[in-house]
N, C-alpha and C. Protein backbone atom coordinates (compact mmCIF):
# COMPACT_ATOMS: atom_id res chain seq x y z
N MET A 1 17.04 -33.53 59.45
CA MET A 1 18.42 -33.86 59.14
C MET A 1 19.31 -33.20 60.19
N SER A 2 20.21 -33.99 60.75
CA SER A 2 21.11 -33.47 61.78
C SER A 2 22.21 -32.61 61.14
N LEU A 3 22.91 -31.87 61.95
CA LEU A 3 24.01 -31.04 61.47
C LEU A 3 25.08 -31.90 60.82
N GLU A 4 25.39 -33.03 61.44
CA GLU A 4 26.41 -33.92 60.89
C GLU A 4 25.99 -34.46 59.52
N GLU A 5 24.73 -34.85 59.38
CA GLU A 5 24.23 -35.35 58.09
C GLU A 5 24.24 -34.24 57.04
N SER A 6 23.90 -33.05 57.45
CA SER A 6 23.90 -31.91 56.55
C SER A 6 25.31 -31.61 56.05
N LEU A 7 26.28 -31.63 56.95
CA LEU A 7 27.67 -31.39 56.55
C LEU A 7 28.20 -32.50 55.66
N ARG A 8 27.83 -33.74 55.97
CA ARG A 8 28.26 -34.86 55.13
C ARG A 8 27.67 -34.73 53.72
N SER A 9 26.41 -34.32 53.63
CA SER A 9 25.76 -34.12 52.34
C SER A 9 26.44 -33.01 51.55
N LEU A 10 26.76 -31.91 52.22
CA LEU A 10 27.47 -30.81 51.57
C LEU A 10 28.82 -31.26 51.06
N SER A 11 29.54 -32.02 51.89
CA SER A 11 30.85 -32.53 51.52
C SER A 11 30.75 -33.41 50.27
N LEU A 12 29.75 -34.28 50.22
CA LEU A 12 29.57 -35.15 49.06
C LEU A 12 29.17 -34.36 47.82
N ASP A 13 28.38 -33.31 47.99
CA ASP A 13 28.00 -32.47 46.85
C ASP A 13 29.23 -31.83 46.21
N TYR A 14 30.13 -31.31 47.06
CA TYR A 14 31.36 -30.70 46.53
C TYR A 14 32.26 -31.75 45.89
N LEU A 15 32.35 -32.91 46.52
CA LEU A 15 33.18 -33.97 45.96
C LEU A 15 32.63 -34.41 44.61
N ASN A 16 31.31 -34.45 44.44
CA ASN A 16 30.72 -34.79 43.15
C ASN A 16 31.09 -33.79 42.07
N LEU A 17 31.25 -32.53 42.44
CA LEU A 17 31.72 -31.54 41.47
C LEU A 17 33.08 -31.93 40.91
N LEU A 18 33.96 -32.38 41.80
CA LEU A 18 35.30 -32.80 41.37
C LEU A 18 35.24 -34.06 40.53
N ILE A 19 34.46 -35.03 40.96
CA ILE A 19 34.37 -36.32 40.27
C ILE A 19 33.76 -36.16 38.88
N ASN A 20 32.79 -35.27 38.75
CA ASN A 20 32.11 -35.09 37.46
C ASN A 20 32.91 -34.27 36.47
N GLY A 21 34.16 -33.99 36.80
CA GLY A 21 35.07 -33.39 35.84
C GLY A 21 34.71 -31.99 35.41
N GLN A 22 34.31 -31.85 34.18
CA GLN A 22 34.12 -30.54 33.59
C GLN A 22 32.87 -29.80 34.03
N ALA A 23 31.97 -30.46 34.74
CA ALA A 23 30.73 -29.81 35.15
C ALA A 23 31.03 -28.55 35.96
N PHE A 24 30.74 -27.42 35.39
CA PHE A 24 30.91 -26.11 36.02
C PHE A 24 32.36 -25.74 36.33
N SER A 25 33.33 -26.52 35.88
CA SER A 25 34.73 -26.20 36.19
C SER A 25 35.16 -24.95 35.44
N ASP A 26 36.11 -24.24 36.06
CA ASP A 26 36.63 -23.04 35.42
C ASP A 26 38.15 -23.01 35.42
N VAL A 27 38.78 -24.12 35.75
CA VAL A 27 40.23 -24.22 35.67
C VAL A 27 40.59 -25.67 35.37
N THR A 28 41.62 -25.86 34.56
CA THR A 28 42.07 -27.19 34.19
C THR A 28 43.57 -27.28 34.43
N PHE A 29 43.98 -28.35 35.11
CA PHE A 29 45.38 -28.61 35.36
C PHE A 29 45.81 -29.80 34.52
N SER A 30 47.08 -29.83 34.17
CA SER A 30 47.66 -30.99 33.51
C SER A 30 48.69 -31.58 34.46
N VAL A 31 48.42 -32.81 34.92
CA VAL A 31 49.30 -33.48 35.86
C VAL A 31 49.70 -34.81 35.26
N GLU A 32 50.99 -34.99 35.03
CA GLU A 32 51.51 -36.20 34.41
C GLU A 32 50.77 -36.52 33.11
N GLY A 33 50.46 -35.49 32.34
CA GLY A 33 49.80 -35.66 31.06
C GLY A 33 48.30 -35.90 31.13
N ARG A 34 47.72 -35.86 32.30
CA ARG A 34 46.28 -36.09 32.47
C ARG A 34 45.61 -34.80 32.91
N LEU A 35 44.44 -34.53 32.36
CA LEU A 35 43.72 -33.31 32.69
C LEU A 35 42.89 -33.49 33.96
N VAL A 36 42.94 -32.46 34.80
CA VAL A 36 42.16 -32.45 36.03
C VAL A 36 41.37 -31.14 36.05
N HIS A 37 40.05 -31.24 36.06
CA HIS A 37 39.19 -30.07 36.07
C HIS A 37 38.83 -29.71 37.51
N ALA A 38 38.81 -28.41 37.80
CA ALA A 38 38.53 -27.98 39.16
C ALA A 38 37.79 -26.64 39.14
N HIS A 39 37.60 -26.09 40.31
CA HIS A 39 36.82 -24.86 40.48
C HIS A 39 37.63 -23.88 41.32
N ARG A 40 37.98 -22.74 40.72
CA ARG A 40 38.83 -21.76 41.40
C ARG A 40 38.28 -21.35 42.76
N CYS A 41 36.98 -21.11 42.84
CA CYS A 41 36.41 -20.61 44.10
C CYS A 41 36.62 -21.61 45.24
N ILE A 42 36.51 -22.89 44.96
CA ILE A 42 36.71 -23.89 46.01
C ILE A 42 38.19 -23.96 46.39
N LEU A 43 39.06 -23.99 45.38
CA LEU A 43 40.49 -24.07 45.66
C LEU A 43 40.97 -22.83 46.42
N ALA A 44 40.53 -21.66 46.00
CA ALA A 44 40.95 -20.42 46.65
C ALA A 44 40.39 -20.31 48.07
N ALA A 45 39.20 -20.81 48.29
CA ALA A 45 38.60 -20.75 49.63
C ALA A 45 39.32 -21.68 50.60
N ARG A 46 39.87 -22.78 50.09
CA ARG A 46 40.44 -23.80 50.97
C ARG A 46 41.96 -23.78 51.05
N SER A 47 42.63 -23.00 50.16
CA SER A 47 44.09 -23.00 50.14
C SER A 47 44.63 -21.60 49.84
N LEU A 48 45.46 -21.11 50.74
CA LEU A 48 46.09 -19.80 50.53
C LEU A 48 46.96 -19.82 49.28
N PHE A 49 47.62 -20.95 49.01
CA PHE A 49 48.44 -21.09 47.81
C PHE A 49 47.61 -20.79 46.57
N PHE A 50 46.44 -21.44 46.45
CA PHE A 50 45.61 -21.25 45.27
C PHE A 50 44.99 -19.85 45.25
N ARG A 51 44.66 -19.31 46.40
CA ARG A 51 44.14 -17.95 46.45
C ARG A 51 45.17 -16.98 45.88
N LYS A 52 46.40 -17.13 46.30
CA LYS A 52 47.48 -16.27 45.77
C LYS A 52 47.73 -16.55 44.30
N PHE A 53 47.65 -17.82 43.92
CA PHE A 53 47.90 -18.20 42.53
C PHE A 53 46.87 -17.59 41.59
N PHE A 54 45.61 -17.67 41.97
CA PHE A 54 44.54 -17.16 41.11
C PHE A 54 44.34 -15.66 41.21
N CYS A 55 44.59 -15.07 42.36
CA CYS A 55 44.22 -13.68 42.59
C CYS A 55 45.39 -12.74 42.86
N GLY A 56 46.51 -13.28 43.26
CA GLY A 56 47.62 -12.43 43.66
C GLY A 56 48.41 -11.88 42.50
N PRO A 57 49.08 -10.75 42.72
CA PRO A 57 49.90 -10.16 41.65
C PRO A 57 51.14 -10.99 41.34
N ASP A 58 51.67 -11.67 42.36
CA ASP A 58 52.85 -12.52 42.17
C ASP A 58 52.49 -13.94 42.59
N PRO A 59 52.02 -14.77 41.65
CA PRO A 59 51.61 -16.13 42.02
C PRO A 59 52.79 -16.92 42.54
N PRO A 60 52.54 -17.81 43.51
CA PRO A 60 53.62 -18.65 44.03
C PRO A 60 54.12 -19.62 42.97
N SER A 61 55.35 -20.10 43.15
CA SER A 61 55.90 -21.05 42.19
C SER A 61 55.30 -22.43 42.42
N GLY A 62 55.48 -23.31 41.47
CA GLY A 62 54.97 -24.68 41.59
C GLY A 62 53.99 -25.01 40.49
N LEU A 63 53.30 -24.01 40.01
CA LEU A 63 52.41 -24.17 38.87
C LEU A 63 52.87 -23.13 37.85
N ASP A 64 52.64 -23.40 36.60
CA ASP A 64 53.05 -22.45 35.57
C ASP A 64 51.86 -21.57 35.20
N PRO A 65 51.81 -20.32 35.74
CA PRO A 65 50.66 -19.47 35.49
C PRO A 65 50.57 -18.97 34.06
N THR A 66 51.66 -19.06 33.31
CA THR A 66 51.61 -18.57 31.94
C THR A 66 51.11 -19.62 30.96
N GLY A 67 51.30 -20.88 31.30
CA GLY A 67 50.79 -21.95 30.45
C GLY A 67 51.32 -21.87 29.03
N PRO A 68 50.56 -22.37 28.07
CA PRO A 68 51.02 -22.40 26.69
C PRO A 68 51.05 -21.01 26.06
N ARG A 69 52.09 -20.74 25.31
CA ARG A 69 52.26 -19.51 24.51
C ARG A 69 52.13 -18.23 25.32
N GLY A 70 52.51 -18.26 26.59
CA GLY A 70 52.55 -17.04 27.38
C GLY A 70 51.20 -16.49 27.81
N VAL A 71 50.12 -17.21 27.53
CA VAL A 71 48.80 -16.75 27.94
C VAL A 71 48.66 -16.97 29.44
N ASN A 72 48.06 -16.04 30.15
CA ASN A 72 47.89 -16.18 31.59
C ASN A 72 46.79 -17.20 31.86
N SER A 73 47.19 -18.47 31.89
CA SER A 73 46.25 -19.58 32.01
C SER A 73 45.47 -19.57 33.31
N SER A 74 46.09 -19.08 34.37
CA SER A 74 45.41 -19.14 35.67
C SER A 74 44.19 -18.24 35.69
N ARG A 75 44.11 -17.27 34.80
CA ARG A 75 42.96 -16.37 34.79
C ARG A 75 42.12 -16.48 33.51
N SER A 76 42.69 -17.07 32.47
CA SER A 76 41.97 -17.10 31.19
C SER A 76 41.34 -18.45 30.87
N GLY A 77 41.56 -19.45 31.68
CA GLY A 77 40.93 -20.74 31.43
C GLY A 77 41.77 -21.74 30.67
N GLY A 78 43.05 -21.44 30.39
CA GLY A 78 43.93 -22.41 29.74
C GLY A 78 44.33 -23.51 30.69
N VAL A 79 45.05 -24.48 30.16
CA VAL A 79 45.51 -25.61 30.97
C VAL A 79 46.78 -25.21 31.74
N ILE A 80 46.77 -25.48 33.04
CA ILE A 80 47.90 -25.12 33.90
C ILE A 80 48.72 -26.37 34.20
N PRO A 81 49.97 -26.41 33.75
CA PRO A 81 50.81 -27.58 34.04
C PRO A 81 51.19 -27.64 35.52
N VAL A 82 51.12 -28.83 36.10
CA VAL A 82 51.54 -29.06 37.48
C VAL A 82 52.69 -30.06 37.43
N ASN A 83 53.86 -29.61 37.84
CA ASN A 83 55.04 -30.47 37.80
C ASN A 83 55.56 -30.79 39.19
N SER A 84 54.98 -30.21 40.21
CA SER A 84 55.51 -30.36 41.56
C SER A 84 55.02 -31.61 42.28
N VAL A 85 53.92 -32.22 41.83
CA VAL A 85 53.39 -33.43 42.46
C VAL A 85 52.86 -34.36 41.38
N GLY A 86 52.68 -35.62 41.75
CA GLY A 86 52.13 -36.61 40.84
C GLY A 86 50.62 -36.55 40.79
N TYR A 87 50.07 -37.23 39.80
CA TYR A 87 48.63 -37.23 39.56
C TYR A 87 47.84 -37.76 40.76
N GLU A 88 48.24 -38.91 41.29
CA GLU A 88 47.50 -39.51 42.40
C GLU A 88 47.47 -38.59 43.62
N VAL A 89 48.61 -38.01 43.94
CA VAL A 89 48.71 -37.13 45.11
C VAL A 89 47.92 -35.85 44.87
N PHE A 90 47.97 -35.31 43.65
CA PHE A 90 47.21 -34.09 43.34
C PHE A 90 45.71 -34.35 43.51
N LEU A 91 45.24 -35.51 43.04
CA LEU A 91 43.82 -35.84 43.21
C LEU A 91 43.45 -36.04 44.68
N LEU A 92 44.33 -36.65 45.45
CA LEU A 92 44.07 -36.81 46.89
C LEU A 92 43.94 -35.44 47.56
N MET A 93 44.83 -34.53 47.18
CA MET A 93 44.78 -33.19 47.76
C MET A 93 43.49 -32.47 47.36
N LEU A 94 43.12 -32.57 46.10
CA LEU A 94 41.87 -31.94 45.65
C LEU A 94 40.67 -32.58 46.35
N GLN A 95 40.69 -33.89 46.51
CA GLN A 95 39.60 -34.57 47.21
C GLN A 95 39.45 -33.98 48.61
N PHE A 96 40.57 -33.75 49.28
CA PHE A 96 40.51 -33.18 50.61
C PHE A 96 40.01 -31.73 50.57
N LEU A 97 40.49 -30.95 49.61
CA LEU A 97 40.05 -29.55 49.51
C LEU A 97 38.56 -29.46 49.25
N TYR A 98 38.03 -30.36 48.45
CA TYR A 98 36.60 -30.33 48.12
C TYR A 98 35.72 -30.86 49.24
N SER A 99 36.18 -31.90 49.93
CA SER A 99 35.28 -32.57 50.87
C SER A 99 35.69 -32.51 52.33
N GLY A 100 36.93 -32.14 52.58
CA GLY A 100 37.42 -32.16 53.96
C GLY A 100 37.73 -33.56 54.43
N GLN A 101 37.67 -34.54 53.52
CA GLN A 101 37.93 -35.93 53.85
C GLN A 101 38.84 -36.53 52.79
N VAL A 102 39.62 -37.52 53.20
CA VAL A 102 40.47 -38.21 52.24
C VAL A 102 40.92 -39.53 52.85
N SER A 103 41.11 -40.51 51.99
CA SER A 103 41.68 -41.78 52.42
C SER A 103 43.05 -41.90 51.77
N ILE A 104 44.07 -41.79 52.59
CA ILE A 104 45.44 -41.82 52.07
C ILE A 104 45.94 -43.26 51.94
N VAL A 105 45.22 -44.20 52.54
CA VAL A 105 45.60 -45.61 52.45
C VAL A 105 45.10 -46.16 51.12
N PRO A 106 45.99 -46.70 50.30
CA PRO A 106 45.53 -47.29 49.03
C PRO A 106 44.56 -48.43 49.28
N GLN A 107 43.74 -48.72 48.30
CA GLN A 107 42.76 -49.79 48.43
C GLN A 107 43.47 -51.14 48.59
N LYS A 108 42.89 -51.97 49.46
CA LYS A 108 43.43 -53.31 49.67
C LYS A 108 43.46 -54.06 48.34
N HIS A 109 44.51 -54.79 48.12
CA HIS A 109 44.73 -55.61 46.92
C HIS A 109 44.96 -54.78 45.67
N GLU A 110 45.00 -53.45 45.78
CA GLU A 110 45.29 -52.61 44.62
C GLU A 110 46.77 -52.76 44.30
N ALA A 111 47.08 -52.99 43.04
CA ALA A 111 48.49 -53.10 42.66
C ALA A 111 49.18 -51.76 42.89
N ARG A 112 50.28 -51.78 43.61
CA ARG A 112 51.00 -50.55 43.96
C ARG A 112 52.46 -50.71 43.60
N PRO A 113 53.10 -49.62 43.16
CA PRO A 113 54.55 -49.70 42.95
C PRO A 113 55.24 -49.90 44.30
N ASN A 114 56.35 -50.56 44.31
CA ASN A 114 57.16 -50.82 45.51
C ASN A 114 56.48 -51.75 46.51
N CYS A 115 55.46 -52.47 46.07
CA CYS A 115 54.82 -53.44 46.97
C CYS A 115 54.48 -54.68 46.15
N GLY A 116 55.27 -55.69 46.31
CA GLY A 116 55.05 -56.92 45.57
C GLY A 116 54.26 -57.95 46.34
N GLU A 117 53.88 -57.63 47.57
CA GLU A 117 53.17 -58.60 48.40
C GLU A 117 51.72 -58.72 47.95
N ARG A 118 51.35 -59.91 47.62
CA ARG A 118 49.98 -60.17 47.17
C ARG A 118 49.03 -60.09 48.37
N GLY A 119 47.93 -59.39 48.22
CA GLY A 119 46.96 -59.27 49.29
C GLY A 119 47.35 -58.26 50.36
N CYS A 120 48.30 -57.40 50.05
CA CYS A 120 48.76 -56.41 51.02
C CYS A 120 47.64 -55.41 51.33
N TRP A 121 47.51 -55.04 52.58
CA TRP A 121 46.51 -54.06 52.99
C TRP A 121 47.03 -52.63 52.80
N HIS A 122 48.30 -52.47 52.48
CA HIS A 122 48.93 -51.17 52.22
C HIS A 122 48.79 -50.20 53.39
N THR A 123 48.96 -50.68 54.58
CA THR A 123 48.92 -49.76 55.72
C THR A 123 50.32 -49.36 56.16
N HIS A 124 51.30 -50.27 55.98
CA HIS A 124 52.65 -49.96 56.42
C HIS A 124 53.72 -50.36 55.41
N CYS A 125 53.33 -50.79 54.23
CA CYS A 125 54.32 -51.18 53.24
C CYS A 125 54.99 -49.94 52.66
N THR A 126 56.05 -50.14 51.92
CA THR A 126 56.81 -49.04 51.35
C THR A 126 55.94 -48.15 50.47
N SER A 127 55.06 -48.77 49.71
CA SER A 127 54.19 -48.02 48.81
C SER A 127 53.27 -47.07 49.59
N ALA A 128 52.70 -47.57 50.68
CA ALA A 128 51.79 -46.75 51.49
C ALA A 128 52.54 -45.60 52.15
N VAL A 129 53.74 -45.89 52.65
CA VAL A 129 54.54 -44.85 53.29
C VAL A 129 54.96 -43.81 52.26
N ASP A 130 55.35 -44.25 51.04
CA ASP A 130 55.71 -43.31 49.98
C ASP A 130 54.54 -42.40 49.63
N LEU A 131 53.34 -42.98 49.52
CA LEU A 131 52.15 -42.19 49.22
C LEU A 131 51.89 -41.17 50.32
N ALA A 132 52.03 -41.60 51.56
CA ALA A 132 51.82 -40.69 52.69
C ALA A 132 52.85 -39.57 52.69
N LEU A 133 54.11 -39.90 52.43
CA LEU A 133 55.15 -38.87 52.39
C LEU A 133 54.92 -37.88 51.25
N ASP A 134 54.55 -38.40 50.08
CA ASP A 134 54.26 -37.52 48.94
C ASP A 134 53.05 -36.63 49.23
N THR A 135 52.04 -37.19 49.87
CA THR A 135 50.85 -36.40 50.22
C THR A 135 51.20 -35.34 51.25
N LEU A 136 52.01 -35.70 52.23
CA LEU A 136 52.45 -34.74 53.23
C LEU A 136 53.24 -33.60 52.58
N ALA A 137 54.15 -33.94 51.68
CA ALA A 137 54.95 -32.91 50.99
C ALA A 137 54.05 -31.99 50.16
N ALA A 138 53.08 -32.57 49.45
CA ALA A 138 52.16 -31.76 48.64
C ALA A 138 51.30 -30.86 49.52
N ALA A 139 50.81 -31.41 50.63
CA ALA A 139 49.97 -30.63 51.54
C ALA A 139 50.75 -29.44 52.08
N ARG A 140 51.99 -29.66 52.44
CA ARG A 140 52.81 -28.56 52.93
C ARG A 140 53.12 -27.56 51.82
N TYR A 141 53.44 -28.07 50.65
CA TYR A 141 53.79 -27.20 49.51
C TYR A 141 52.62 -26.30 49.13
N PHE A 142 51.42 -26.88 49.08
CA PHE A 142 50.23 -26.12 48.68
C PHE A 142 49.52 -25.48 49.87
N GLY A 143 50.11 -25.54 51.04
CA GLY A 143 49.56 -24.86 52.20
C GLY A 143 48.26 -25.43 52.72
N VAL A 144 48.08 -26.74 52.60
CA VAL A 144 46.87 -27.39 53.09
C VAL A 144 47.24 -28.09 54.41
N GLU A 145 47.36 -27.28 55.45
CA GLU A 145 47.88 -27.76 56.73
C GLU A 145 47.00 -28.83 57.38
N GLN A 146 45.69 -28.75 57.18
CA GLN A 146 44.81 -29.78 57.76
C GLN A 146 45.12 -31.15 57.16
N LEU A 147 45.40 -31.19 55.87
CA LEU A 147 45.76 -32.45 55.23
C LEU A 147 47.12 -32.93 55.72
N ALA A 148 48.05 -32.02 55.89
CA ALA A 148 49.37 -32.39 56.41
C ALA A 148 49.23 -33.00 57.80
N LEU A 149 48.43 -32.38 58.63
CA LEU A 149 48.23 -32.88 59.99
C LEU A 149 47.54 -34.25 59.97
N LEU A 150 46.53 -34.39 59.14
CA LEU A 150 45.82 -35.66 59.03
C LEU A 150 46.77 -36.77 58.57
N THR A 151 47.62 -36.47 57.60
CA THR A 151 48.57 -37.44 57.08
C THR A 151 49.57 -37.85 58.16
N GLN A 152 50.07 -36.86 58.90
CA GLN A 152 51.03 -37.16 59.96
C GLN A 152 50.40 -38.00 61.06
N VAL A 153 49.24 -37.61 61.50
CA VAL A 153 48.59 -38.32 62.60
C VAL A 153 48.28 -39.75 62.21
N PHE A 154 47.70 -39.95 61.02
CA PHE A 154 47.27 -41.28 60.64
C PHE A 154 48.45 -42.20 60.32
N HIS A 155 49.34 -41.75 59.44
CA HIS A 155 50.38 -42.65 58.95
C HIS A 155 51.59 -42.75 59.85
N PHE A 156 51.93 -41.68 60.51
CA PHE A 156 53.20 -41.72 61.21
C PHE A 156 53.05 -41.97 62.70
N SER A 157 51.82 -41.95 63.20
CA SER A 157 51.63 -42.31 64.60
C SER A 157 51.46 -43.82 64.75
N ILE A 158 50.83 -44.47 63.78
CA ILE A 158 50.60 -45.91 63.87
C ILE A 158 51.92 -46.69 63.89
N PRO A 159 52.84 -46.47 62.93
CA PRO A 159 54.11 -47.20 63.00
C PRO A 159 54.89 -46.89 64.28
N PHE A 160 54.81 -45.65 64.73
CA PHE A 160 55.51 -45.27 65.95
C PHE A 160 54.93 -46.03 67.15
N LEU A 161 53.60 -46.13 67.21
CA LEU A 161 52.97 -46.86 68.30
C LEU A 161 53.31 -48.35 68.24
N ILE A 162 53.36 -48.90 67.03
CA ILE A 162 53.73 -50.31 66.87
C ILE A 162 55.17 -50.52 67.35
N LEU A 163 56.05 -49.61 66.99
CA LEU A 163 57.44 -49.70 67.42
C LEU A 163 57.53 -49.66 68.95
N ILE A 164 56.82 -48.73 69.57
CA ILE A 164 56.84 -48.62 71.03
C ILE A 164 56.27 -49.89 71.66
N PHE A 165 55.15 -50.38 71.12
CA PHE A 165 54.53 -51.59 71.64
C PHE A 165 55.47 -52.79 71.51
N SER A 166 56.15 -52.90 70.36
CA SER A 166 57.09 -53.99 70.15
C SER A 166 58.24 -53.92 71.14
N CYS A 167 58.72 -52.72 71.41
CA CYS A 167 59.81 -52.54 72.36
C CYS A 167 59.37 -52.94 73.77
N LEU A 168 58.13 -52.62 74.13
CA LEU A 168 57.64 -52.96 75.46
C LEU A 168 57.48 -54.46 75.64
N ILE A 169 57.04 -55.15 74.59
CA ILE A 169 56.82 -56.59 74.66
C ILE A 169 58.14 -57.34 74.76
N PHE A 170 59.11 -56.93 73.97
CA PHE A 170 60.37 -57.68 73.88
C PHE A 170 61.45 -57.23 74.85
N THR A 171 61.12 -56.29 75.74
CA THR A 171 62.11 -55.88 76.73
C THR A 171 61.76 -56.37 78.10
């Protein structure tokens, strides 16, 4: 097995932990009323925000460390409310933290808010740009700079290049 295959296998193993929900999870978030199970060690290893949140004396804002009835949810296993980002973006960020990979482009033909075009590939429509902007904001907020960079390079360089190309053709 090559190094690349080994890393891809490792990445998929971690991603399966996230996909399988409660399997071995030790932290639960509530995002838009939906539960998301995760693993503190992975989040803390990949994000300074989560490291400070779980281990620091003064957790950063954005998540409610006290949770229900004043119990310290971030350390006792209670549900931690997330109000700073939406469910889809939170899952995209976790997918990246677990695997180092993410697809920020919505699936082709997937019904999306702000996109009424049937058969849209969602590469440059308003919905795709909104998702990219929300993902970029979440990546910056949670200190996941690699995801922020990936989002910027993929989504915001392509429209810029198209604009430049269009200007060159029509001038």
